[in-house]
Amino acid sequence: MSRPNDKSTIAPAPADERRQILLHLDGGLIKDLKKAAVDLETSASAIANEAVDDWLAKRGLRKSDGNT
């Protein structure tokens, strides 16, 4: 018989592990983001991560070193 997941025995995720979030964006913004990612040879996630980080930092809301 299998044992249910016991979260107390699961090690915490490393601080640099990426996590997922669902965002609803305008269609045109998504299209431009994907095109920019291809043109810049990077990922849409990397661009979005940088944009959110900059937005939070500009407002003094950045609470960590970028690994959360």
Protein backbone atom coordinates (compact mmCIF):
# COMPACT_ATOMS: atom_id res chain seq x y z
CA MET A 1 0.00 0.00 0.00
CA SER A 2 1.41 3.38 -0.94
CA ARG A 3 1.94 6.01 1.67
CA PRO A 4 0.50 9.51 1.11
CA ASN A 5 3.01 12.28 0.54
CA ASP A 6 4.36 13.39 3.88
CA LYS A 7 5.38 17.01 3.32
CA SER A 8 7.46 17.01 6.48
CA THR A 9 9.96 14.68 4.79
CA ILE A 10 10.21 16.65 1.54
CA ALA A 11 13.20 18.96 1.36
CA PRO A 12 12.42 22.60 0.59
CA ALA A 13 12.95 23.72 -2.99
CA PRO A 14 16.21 25.49 -3.75
CA ALA A 15 15.95 29.29 -3.72
CA ASP A 16 16.88 29.52 -7.41
CA GLU A 17 14.14 27.14 -8.57
CA ARG A 18 11.72 28.71 -11.00
CA ARG A 19 8.04 28.63 -10.15
CA GLN A 20 5.02 29.05 -12.36
CA ILE A 21 2.36 31.76 -12.33
CA LEU A 22 -0.62 32.28 -14.61
CA LEU A 23 -1.03 35.81 -15.95
CA HIS A 24 -3.74 37.12 -18.22
CA LEU A 25 -2.20 39.54 -20.72
CA ASP A 26 -3.56 41.36 -23.76
CA GLY A 27 -3.18 39.34 -26.96
CA GLY A 28 -1.04 41.99 -28.62
CA LEU A 29 1.29 42.10 -25.63
CA ILE A 30 1.74 38.33 -25.74
CA LYS A 31 2.46 38.44 -29.47
CA ASP A 32 5.04 41.22 -29.03
CA LEU A 33 6.62 39.42 -26.07
CA LYS A 34 7.02 36.18 -28.02
CA LYS A 35 8.46 38.00 -31.04
CA ALA A 36 10.91 39.91 -28.85
CA ALA A 37 12.01 36.66 -27.22
CA VAL A 38 12.75 35.12 -30.60
CA ASP A 39 14.48 38.26 -31.89
CA LEU A 40 16.64 38.53 -28.76
CA GLU A 41 17.29 34.78 -28.59
CA THR A 42 15.93 34.51 -25.07
CA SER A 43 12.71 33.31 -23.48
CA ALA A 44 9.47 35.14 -22.83
CA SER A 45 9.87 34.08 -19.21
CA ALA A 46 13.29 35.75 -18.97
CA ILE A 47 11.89 38.99 -20.40
CA ALA A 48 8.86 38.89 -18.09
CA ASN A 49 11.05 38.08 -15.09
CA GLU A 50 13.28 41.08 -15.83
CA ALA A 51 10.27 43.35 -16.36
CA VAL A 52 8.59 42.34 -13.10
CA ASP A 53 11.86 42.61 -11.19
CA ASP A 54 12.44 46.12 -12.57
CA TRP A 55 8.83 47.13 -11.82
CA LEU A 56 9.07 45.97 -8.20
CA ALA A 57 12.52 47.53 -7.69
CA LYS A 58 11.36 50.87 -9.12
CA ARG A 59 8.62 50.98 -6.50
CA GLY A 60 10.81 49.79 -3.64
CA LEU A 61 8.82 46.57 -3.37
CA ARG A 62 11.66 44.13 -4.08
CA LYS A 63 12.06 42.06 -0.92
CA SER A 64 14.65 39.50 -2.01
CA ASP A 65 17.73 39.07 -4.15
CA GLY A 66 15.76 37.86 -7.18
CA ASN A 67 15.53 34.18 -6.29
CA THR A 68 12.04 34.02 -4.91
